[in-house]
PDB file of all heavy atoms in Angstrom:
ATOM      1  N   GLY A   1      48.381   7.677 -41.989  1.00  0.00           N
ATOM      2  CA  GLY A   1      49.393   7.762 -40.939  1.00  0.00           C
ATOM      3  C   GLY A   1      49.043   8.811 -39.921  1.00  0.00           C
ATOM      4  O   GLY A   1      49.271   8.642 -38.709  1.00  0.00           O
ATOM      5  N   MET A   2      48.490   9.958 -40.360  1.00  0.00           N
ATOM      6  CA  MET A   2      48.107  11.039 -39.444  1.00  0.00           C
ATOM      7  C   MET A   2      47.031  10.519 -38.468  1.00  0.00           C
ATOM      8  O   MET A   2      47.116  10.757 -37.264  1.00  0.00           O
ATOM      9  CB  MET A   2      47.575  12.223 -40.205  1.00  0.00           C
ATOM     10  CG  MET A   2      48.657  12.991 -40.974  1.00  0.00           C
ATOM     11  SD  MET A   2      47.986  14.322 -42.029  1.00  0.00           S
ATOM     12  CE  MET A   2      47.335  15.444 -40.796  1.00  0.00           C
ATOM     13  N   ARG A   3      46.048   9.810 -38.996  1.00  0.00           N
ATOM     14  CA  ARG A   3      44.975   9.297 -38.140  1.00  0.00           C
ATOM     15  C   ARG A   3      45.539   8.320 -37.094  1.00  0.00           C
ATOM     16  O   ARG A   3      45.166   8.374 -35.925  1.00  0.00           O
ATOM     17  CB  ARG A   3      43.894   8.628 -38.986  1.00  0.00           C
ATOM     18  CG  ARG A   3      43.037   9.614 -39.801  1.00  0.00           C
ATOM     19  CD  ARG A   3      41.930   8.897 -40.526  1.00  0.00           C
ATOM     20  NE  ARG A   3      40.962   9.811 -41.104  1.00  0.00           N
ATOM     21  CZ  ARG A   3      41.026  10.209 -42.388  1.00  0.00           C
ATOM     22  NH1 ARG A   3      41.975   9.723 -43.191  1.00  0.00           N
ATOM     23  NH2 ARG A   3      40.164  11.081 -42.862  1.00  0.00           N
ATOM     24  N   LEU A   4      46.394   7.431 -37.557  1.00  0.00           N
ATOM     25  CA  LEU A   4      46.926   6.456 -36.616  1.00  0.00           C
ATOM     26  C   LEU A   4      47.932   7.046 -35.646  1.00  0.00           C
ATOM     27  O   LEU A   4      48.163   6.507 -34.567  1.00  0.00           O
ATOM     28  CB  LEU A   4      47.589   5.297 -37.431  1.00  0.00           C
ATOM     29  CG  LEU A   4      46.635   4.470 -38.294  1.00  0.00           C
ATOM     30  CD1 LEU A   4      47.388   3.516 -39.144  1.00  0.00           C
ATOM     31  CD2 LEU A   4      45.614   3.763 -37.420  1.00  0.00           C
ATOM     32  N   LEU A   5      48.508   8.183 -36.028  1.00  0.00           N
ATOM     33  CA  LEU A   5      49.453   8.880 -35.161  1.00  0.00           C
ATOM     34  C   LEU A   5      48.715   9.771 -34.132  1.00  0.00           C
ATOM     35  O   LEU A   5      49.287  10.121 -33.099  1.00  0.00           O
ATOM     36  CB  LEU A   5      50.435   9.716 -36.006  1.00  0.00           C
ATOM     37  CG  LEU A   5      51.699  10.252 -35.376  1.00  0.00           C
ATOM     38  CD1 LEU A   5      52.518   9.128 -34.748  1.00  0.00           C
ATOM     39  CD2 LEU A   5      52.506  10.979 -36.420  1.00  0.00           C
ATOM     40  N   GLY A   6      47.473  10.129 -34.494  1.00  0.00           N
ATOM     41  CA  GLY A   6      46.695  10.949 -33.563  1.00  0.00           C
ATOM     42  C   GLY A   6      46.768  12.426 -33.816  1.00  0.00           C
ATOM     43  O   GLY A   6      46.594  13.247 -32.906  1.00  0.00           O
ATOM     44  N   VAL A   7      47.022  12.837 -35.094  1.00  0.00           N
ATOM     45  CA  VAL A   7      47.052  14.248 -35.442  1.00  0.00           C
ATOM     46  C   VAL A   7      46.063  14.507 -36.568  1.00  0.00           C
ATOM     47  O   VAL A   7      45.823  13.623 -37.402  1.00  0.00           O
ATOM     48  CB  VAL A   7      48.475  14.721 -35.836  1.00  0.00           C
ATOM     49  CG1 VAL A   7      49.443  14.506 -34.700  1.00  0.00           C
ATOM     50  CG2 VAL A   7      48.952  13.986 -37.111  1.00  0.00           C
ATOM     51  N   THR A   8      45.517  15.679 -36.594  1.00  0.00           N
ATOM     52  CA  THR A   8      44.561  16.041 -37.643  1.00  0.00           C
ATOM     53  C   THR A   8      45.062  17.128 -38.540  1.00  0.00           C
ATOM     54  O   THR A   8      44.434  17.437 -39.548  1.00  0.00           O
ATOM     55  CB  THR A   8      43.232  16.475 -37.015  1.00  0.00           C
ATOM     56  OG1 THR A   8      43.470  17.595 -36.162  1.00  0.00           O
ATOM     57  CG2 THR A   8      42.603  15.338 -36.208  1.00  0.00           C
ATOM     58  N   ASN A   9      46.183  17.739 -38.210  1.00  0.00           N
ATOM     59  CA  ASN A   9      46.746  18.830 -38.988  1.00  0.00           C
ATOM     60  C   ASN A   9      48.264  18.672 -38.980  1.00  0.00           C
ATOM     61  O   ASN A   9      48.850  18.329 -37.943  1.00  0.00           O
ATOM     62  CB  ASN A   9      46.322  20.175 -38.407  1.00  0.00           C
ATOM     63  CG  ASN A   9      46.696  21.328 -39.290  1.00  0.00           C
ATOM     64  OD1 ASN A   9      47.848  21.674 -39.441  1.00  0.00           O
ATOM     65  ND2 ASN A   9      45.665  21.944 -39.914  1.00  0.00           N
ATOM     66  N   LEU A  10      48.926  19.000 -40.084  1.00  0.00           N
ATOM     67  CA  LEU A  10      50.385  18.851 -40.182  1.00  0.00           C
ATOM     68  C   LEU A  10      51.094  19.735 -39.175  1.00  0.00           C
ATOM     69  O   LEU A  10      52.194  19.388 -38.706  1.00  0.00           O
ATOM     70  CB  LEU A  10      50.857  19.171 -41.598  1.00  0.00           C
ATOM     71  CG  LEU A  10      50.339  18.269 -42.722  1.00  0.00           C
ATOM     72  CD1 LEU A  10      50.870  18.736 -44.072  1.00  0.00           C
ATOM     73  CD2 LEU A  10      50.757  16.804 -42.475  1.00  0.00           C
ATOM     74  N   ASP A  11      50.513  20.853 -38.823  1.00  0.00           N
ATOM     75  CA  ASP A  11      51.148  21.753 -37.838  1.00  0.00           C
ATOM     76  C   ASP A  11      51.248  21.127 -36.456  1.00  0.00           C
ATOM     77  O   ASP A  11      52.031  21.592 -35.620  1.00  0.00           O
ATOM     78  CB  ASP A  11      50.388  23.061 -37.754  1.00  0.00           C
ATOM     79  CG  ASP A  11      50.551  23.921 -39.003  1.00  0.00           C
ATOM     80  OD1 ASP A  11      51.544  23.717 -39.723  1.00  0.00           O
ATOM     81  OD2 ASP A  11      49.668  24.759 -39.272  1.00  0.00           O
ATOM     82  N   GLN A  12      50.461  20.091 -36.195  1.00  0.00           N
ATOM     83  CA  GLN A  12      50.524  19.430 -34.891  1.00  0.00           C
ATOM     84  C   GLN A  12      51.731  18.518 -34.753  1.00  0.00           C
ATOM     85  O   GLN A  12      52.096  18.113 -33.636  1.00  0.00           O
ATOM     86  CB  GLN A  12      49.243  18.607 -34.671  1.00  0.00           C
ATOM     87  CG  GLN A  12      47.978  19.451 -34.605  1.00  0.00           C
ATOM     88  CD  GLN A  12      46.719  18.603 -34.630  1.00  0.00           C
ATOM     89  OE1 GLN A  12      46.790  17.386 -34.616  1.00  0.00           O
ATOM     90  NE2 GLN A  12      45.580  19.270 -34.662  1.00  0.00           N
ATOM     91  N   LEU A  13      52.365  18.181 -35.861  1.00  0.00           N
ATOM     92  CA  LEU A  13      53.529  17.310 -35.803  1.00  0.00           C
ATOM     93  C   LEU A  13      54.722  18.001 -35.158  1.00  0.00           C
ATOM     94  O   LEU A  13      54.957  19.183 -35.345  1.00  0.00           O
ATOM     95  CB  LEU A  13      53.920  16.855 -37.212  1.00  0.00           C
ATOM     96  CG  LEU A  13      52.939  15.915 -37.919  1.00  0.00           C
ATOM     97  CD1 LEU A  13      53.312  15.775 -39.378  1.00  0.00           C
ATOM     98  CD2 LEU A  13      52.943  14.538 -37.226  1.00  0.00           C
ATOM     99  N   GLY A  14      55.453  17.234 -34.363  1.00  0.00           N
ATOM    100  CA  GLY A  14      56.655  17.771 -33.716  1.00  0.00           C
ATOM    101  C   GLY A  14      57.553  16.631 -33.256  1.00  0.00           C
ATOM    102  O   GLY A  14      57.172  15.442 -33.359  1.00  0.00           O
ATOM    103  N   PRO A  15      58.747  16.924 -32.710  1.00  0.00           N
ATOM    104  CA  PRO A  15      59.658  15.902 -32.280  1.00  0.00           C
ATOM    105  C   PRO A  15      59.099  14.941 -31.242  1.00  0.00           C
ATOM    106  O   PRO A  15      59.567  13.784 -31.095  1.00  0.00           O
ATOM    107  CB  PRO A  15      60.833  16.687 -31.686  1.00  0.00           C
ATOM    108  CG  PRO A  15      60.733  18.074 -32.319  1.00  0.00           C
ATOM    109  CD  PRO A  15      59.279  18.294 -32.528  1.00  0.00           C
ATOM    110  N   GLU A  16      58.048  15.387 -30.540  1.00  0.00           N
ATOM    111  CA  GLU A  16      57.463  14.497 -29.497  1.00  0.00           C
ATOM    112  C   GLU A  16      56.759  13.315 -30.106  1.00  0.00           C
ATOM    113  O   GLU A  16      56.438  12.346 -29.382  1.00  0.00           O
ATOM    114  CB  GLU A  16      56.487  15.304 -28.630  1.00  0.00           C
ATOM    115  CG  GLU A  16      55.245  15.797 -29.339  1.00  0.00           C
ATOM    116  CD  GLU A  16      55.416  17.138 -30.010  1.00  0.00           C
ATOM    117  OE1 GLU A  16      56.595  17.564 -30.213  1.00  0.00           O
ATOM    118  OE2 GLU A  16      54.380  17.772 -30.356  1.00  0.00           O
ATOM    119  N   TYR A  17      56.540  13.317 -31.423  1.00  0.00           N
ATOM    120  CA  TYR A  17      55.860  12.172 -32.065  1.00  0.00           C
ATOM    121  C   TYR A  17      56.815  11.122 -32.621  1.00  0.00           C
ATOM    122  O   TYR A  17      56.371  10.148 -33.199  1.00  0.00           O
ATOM    123  CB  TYR A  17      54.962  12.694 -33.199  1.00  0.00           C
ATOM    124  CG  TYR A  17      53.669  13.278 -32.702  1.00  0.00           C
ATOM    125  CD1 TYR A  17      53.553  14.681 -32.505  1.00  0.00           C
ATOM    126  CD2 TYR A  17      52.570  12.481 -32.389  1.00  0.00           C
ATOM    127  CE1 TYR A  17      52.371  15.219 -32.043  1.00  0.00           C
ATOM    128  CE2 TYR A  17      51.378  13.013 -31.916  1.00  0.00           C
ATOM    129  CZ  TYR A  17      51.296  14.395 -31.726  1.00  0.00           C
ATOM    130  OH  TYR A  17      50.122  14.942 -31.282  1.00  0.00           O
ATOM    131  N   VAL A  18      58.120  11.332 -32.435  1.00  0.00           N
ATOM    132  CA  VAL A  18      59.079  10.365 -32.950  1.00  0.00           C
ATOM    133  C   VAL A  18      60.121  10.033 -31.912  1.00  0.00           C
ATOM    134  O   VAL A  18      60.350  10.799 -30.968  1.00  0.00           O
ATOM    135  CB  VAL A  18      59.785  10.875 -34.233  1.00  0.00           C
ATOM    136  CG1 VAL A  18      58.797  11.016 -35.367  1.00  0.00           C
ATOM    137  CG2 VAL A  18      60.485  12.195 -33.962  1.00  0.00           C
ATOM    138  N   ASP A  19      60.690   8.865 -32.060  1.00  0.00           N
ATOM    139  CA  ASP A  19      61.780   8.416 -31.189  1.00  0.00           C
ATOM    140  C   ASP A  19      62.926   8.003 -32.091  1.00  0.00           C
ATOM    141  O   ASP A  19      62.738   7.230 -33.055  1.00  0.00           O
ATOM    142  CB  ASP A  19      61.312   7.205 -30.372  1.00  0.00           C
ATOM    143  CG  ASP A  19      62.308   6.791 -29.310  1.00  0.00           C
ATOM    144  OD1 ASP A  19      63.179   7.633 -28.965  1.00  0.00           O
ATOM    145  OD2 ASP A  19      62.237   5.645 -28.863  1.00  0.00           O
ATOM    146  N   ILE A  20      64.138   8.518 -31.830  1.00  0.00           N
ATOM    147  CA  ILE A  20      65.294   8.275 -32.690  1.00  0.00           C
ATOM    148  C   ILE A  20      66.143   7.188 -32.101  1.00  0.00           C
ATOM    149  O   ILE A  20      66.668   7.330 -30.999  1.00  0.00           O
ATOM    150  CB  ILE A  20      66.123   9.568 -32.881  1.00  0.00           C
ATOM    151  CG1 ILE A  20      65.223  10.754 -33.245  1.00  0.00           C
ATOM    152  CG2 ILE A  20      67.188   9.322 -33.939  1.00  0.00           C
ATOM    153  CD1 ILE A  20      64.474  10.580 -34.536  1.00  0.00           C
ATOM    154  N   LEU A  21      66.281   6.100 -32.792  1.00  0.00           N
ATOM    155  CA  LEU A  21      67.162   5.003 -32.378  1.00  0.00           C
ATOM    156  C   LEU A  21      68.615   5.317 -32.694  1.00  0.00           C
ATOM    157  O   LEU A  21      68.878   6.152 -33.557  1.00  0.00           O
ATOM    158  CB  LEU A  21      66.730   3.696 -33.021  1.00  0.00           C
ATOM    159  CG  LEU A  21      65.258   3.249 -32.794  1.00  0.00           C
ATOM    160  CD1 LEU A  21      65.009   1.947 -33.518  1.00  0.00           C
ATOM    161  CD2 LEU A  21      64.962   3.131 -31.306  1.00  0.00           C
ATOM    162  N   PRO A  22      69.572   4.649 -32.067  1.00  0.00           N
ATOM    163  CA  PRO A  22      70.984   4.907 -32.374  1.00  0.00           C
ATOM    164  C   PRO A  22      71.294   4.668 -33.820  1.00  0.00           C
ATOM    165  O   PRO A  22      70.730   3.778 -34.466  1.00  0.00           O
ATOM    166  CB  PRO A  22      71.722   3.922 -31.462  1.00  0.00           C
ATOM    167  CG  PRO A  22      70.767   3.635 -30.357  1.00  0.00           C
ATOM    168  CD  PRO A  22      69.412   3.671 -30.981  1.00  0.00           C
ATOM    169  N   ARG A  23      72.208   5.468 -34.347  1.00  0.00           N
ATOM    170  CA  ARG A  23      72.597   5.304 -35.769  1.00  0.00           C
ATOM    171  C   ARG A  23      73.411   4.029 -35.914  1.00  0.00           C
ATOM    172  O   ARG A  23      74.332   3.766 -35.147  1.00  0.00           O
ATOM    173  CB  ARG A  23      73.395   6.506 -36.233  1.00  0.00           C
ATOM    174  CG  ARG A  23      73.742   6.477 -37.728  1.00  0.00           C
ATOM    175  CD  ARG A  23      74.583   7.631 -38.153  1.00  0.00           C
ATOM    176  NE  ARG A  23      73.935   8.921 -37.988  1.00  0.00           N
ATOM    177  CZ  ARG A  23      74.421  10.079 -38.454  1.00  0.00           C
ATOM    178  NH1 ARG A  23      75.571  10.083 -39.093  1.00  0.00           N
ATOM    179  NH2 ARG A  23      73.786  11.208 -38.251  1.00  0.00           N
ATOM    180  N   MET A  24      73.115   3.263 -36.939  1.00  0.00           N
ATOM    181  CA  MET A  24      73.836   2.043 -37.239  1.00  0.00           C
ATOM    182  C   MET A  24      74.621   2.215 -38.532  1.00  0.00           C
ATOM    183  O   MET A  24      74.235   2.991 -39.416  1.00  0.00           O
ATOM    184  CB  MET A  24      72.837   0.871 -37.435  1.00  0.00           C
ATOM    185  CG  MET A  24      71.999   0.589 -36.201  1.00  0.00           C
ATOM    186  SD  MET A  24      72.985  -0.018 -34.827  1.00  0.00           S
ATOM    187  CE  MET A  24      73.475  -1.626 -35.457  1.00  0.00           C
ATOM    188  N   PRO A  25      75.754   1.517 -38.646  1.00  0.00           N
ATOM    189  CA  PRO A  25      76.541   1.610 -39.883  1.00  0.00           C
ATOM    190  C   PRO A  25      75.700   1.130 -41.064  1.00  0.00           C
ATOM    191  O   PRO A  25      74.897   0.200 -40.947  1.00  0.00           O
ATOM    192  CB  PRO A  25      77.744   0.671 -39.655  1.00  0.00           C
ATOM    193  CG  PRO A  25      77.811   0.506 -38.168  1.00  0.00           C
ATOM    194  CD  PRO A  25      76.388   0.619 -37.664  1.00  0.00           C
ATOM    195  N   PRO A  26      75.833   1.752 -42.230  1.00  0.00           N
ATOM    196  CA  PRO A  26      75.066   1.326 -43.396  1.00  0.00           C
ATOM    197  C   PRO A  26      75.553  -0.050 -43.887  1.00  0.00           C
ATOM    198  O   PRO A  26      76.688  -0.464 -43.598  1.00  0.00           O
ATOM    199  CB  PRO A  26      75.339   2.421 -44.424  1.00  0.00           C
ATOM    200  CG  PRO A  26      76.688   2.976 -44.040  1.00  0.00           C
ATOM    201  CD  PRO A  26      76.716   2.902 -42.532  1.00  0.00           C
ATOM    202  N   PRO A  27      74.737  -0.761 -44.601  1.00  0.00           N
ATOM    203  CA  PRO A  27      75.148  -2.058 -45.174  1.00  0.00           C
ATOM    204  C   PRO A  27      76.151  -1.793 -46.303  1.00  0.00           C
ATOM    205  O   PRO A  27      75.785  -1.570 -47.444  1.00  0.00           O
ATOM    206  CB  PRO A  27      73.847  -2.629 -45.702  1.00  0.00           C
ATOM    207  CG  PRO A  27      72.966  -1.450 -45.983  1.00  0.00           C
ATOM    208  CD  PRO A  27      73.351  -0.405 -44.981  1.00  0.00           C
ATOM    209  N   LEU A  28      77.429  -1.894 -45.967  1.00  0.00           N
ATOM    210  CA  LEU A  28      78.471  -1.407 -46.865  1.00  0.00           C
ATOM    211  C   LEU A  28      78.502  -2.144 -48.195  1.00  0.00           C
ATOM    212  O   LEU A  28      78.594  -1.564 -49.263  1.00  0.00           O
ATOM    213  CB  LEU A  28      79.847  -1.502 -46.202  1.00  0.00           C
ATOM    214  CG  LEU A  28      80.016  -0.710 -44.900  1.00  0.00           C
ATOM    215  CD1 LEU A  28      81.436  -0.808 -44.399  1.00  0.00           C
ATOM    216  CD2 LEU A  28      79.620   0.755 -45.126  1.00  0.00           C
ATOM    217  N   TYR A  29      78.464  -3.463 -48.169  1.00  0.00           N
ATOM    218  CA  TYR A  29      78.640  -4.221 -49.389  1.00  0.00           C
ATOM    219  C   TYR A  29      77.435  -5.074 -49.722  1.00  0.00           C
ATOM    220  O   TYR A  29      77.548  -6.026 -50.490  1.00  0.00           O
ATOM    221  CB  TYR A  29      79.916  -5.067 -49.301  1.00  0.00           C
ATOM    222  CG  TYR A  29      81.144  -4.233 -49.159  1.00  0.00           C
ATOM    223  CD1 TYR A  29      81.826  -4.129 -47.925  1.00  0.00           C
ATOM    224  CD2 TYR A  29      81.607  -3.450 -50.215  1.00  0.00           C
ATOM    225  CE1 TYR A  29      82.932  -3.342 -47.790  1.00  0.00           C
ATOM    226  CE2 TYR A  29      82.735  -2.630 -50.081  1.00  0.00           C
ATOM    227  CZ  TYR A  29      83.394  -2.614 -48.844  1.00  0.00           C
ATOM    228  OH  TYR A  29      84.475  -1.780 -48.723  1.00  0.00           O
ATOM    229  N   ALA A  30      76.320  -4.746 -49.171  1.00  0.00           N
ATOM    230  CA  ALA A  30      75.096  -5.501 -49.487  1.00  0.00           C
ATOM    231  C   ALA A  30      74.730  -5.225 -50.938  1.00  0.00           C
ATOM    232  O   ALA A  30      75.056  -4.192 -51.504  1.00  0.00           O
ATOM    233  CB  ALA A  30      73.958  -5.094 -48.573  1.00  0.00           C
ATOM    234  N   GLN A  31      74.036  -6.175 -51.528  1.00  0.00           N
ATOM    235  CA  GLN A  31      73.562  -5.972 -52.869  1.00  0.00           C
ATOM    236  C   GLN A  31      72.511  -4.851 -52.910  1.00  0.00           C
ATOM    237  O   GLN A  31      71.840  -4.645 -51.924  1.00  0.00           O
ATOM    238  CB  GLN A  31      72.913  -7.256 -53.440  1.00  0.00           C
ATOM    239  CG  GLN A  31      73.930  -8.363 -53.656  1.00  0.00           C
ATOM    240  CD  GLN A  31      74.898  -7.996 -54.736  1.00  0.00           C
ATOM    241  OE1 GLN A  31      74.557  -7.469 -55.810  1.00  0.00           O
ATOM    242  NE2 GLN A  31      76.188  -8.243 -54.488  1.00  0.00           N
ATOM    243  N   PRO A  32      72.470  -4.073 -53.990  1.00  0.00           N
ATOM    244  CA  PRO A  32      71.437  -3.036 -54.067  1.00  0.00           C
ATOM    245  C   PRO A  32      70.055  -3.618 -53.794  1.00  0.00           C
ATOM    246  O   PRO A  32      69.738  -4.724 -54.198  1.00  0.00           O
ATOM    247  CB  PRO A  32      71.555  -2.525 -55.522  1.00  0.00           C
ATOM    248  CG  PRO A  32      72.954  -2.878 -55.909  1.00  0.00           C
ATOM    249  CD  PRO A  32      73.263  -4.159 -55.208  1.00  0.00           C
ATOM    250  N   ARG A  33      69.250  -2.847 -53.095  1.00  0.00           N
ATOM    251  CA  ARG A  33      67.889  -3.265 -52.753  1.00  0.00           C
ATOM    252  C   ARG A  33      67.100  -3.534 -54.019  1.00  0.00           C
ATOM    253  O   ARG A  33      67.050  -2.731 -54.940  1.00  0.00           O
ATOM    254  CB  ARG A  33      67.205  -2.199 -51.938  1.00  0.00           C
ATOM    255  CG  ARG A  33      65.765  -2.546 -51.547  1.00  0.00           C
ATOM    256  CD  ARG A  33      65.127  -1.342 -50.875  1.00  0.00           C
ATOM    257  NE  ARG A  33      65.102  -0.186 -51.734  1.00  0.00           N
ATOM    258  CZ  ARG A  33      64.195   0.010 -52.701  1.00  0.00           C
ATOM    259  NH1 ARG A  33      63.256  -0.885 -52.920  1.00  0.00           N
ATOM    260  NH2 ARG A  33      64.259   1.098 -53.447  1.00  0.00           N
TER     261      ARG A  33
END
């Protein structure tokens, strides 16, 4: 994942590497996965 993300050290990771989608309600009564 680091290689495909374009980082070589964990210290390089930061919020700029992720995008947060809107929170959705959890599947309330779905069967357990």
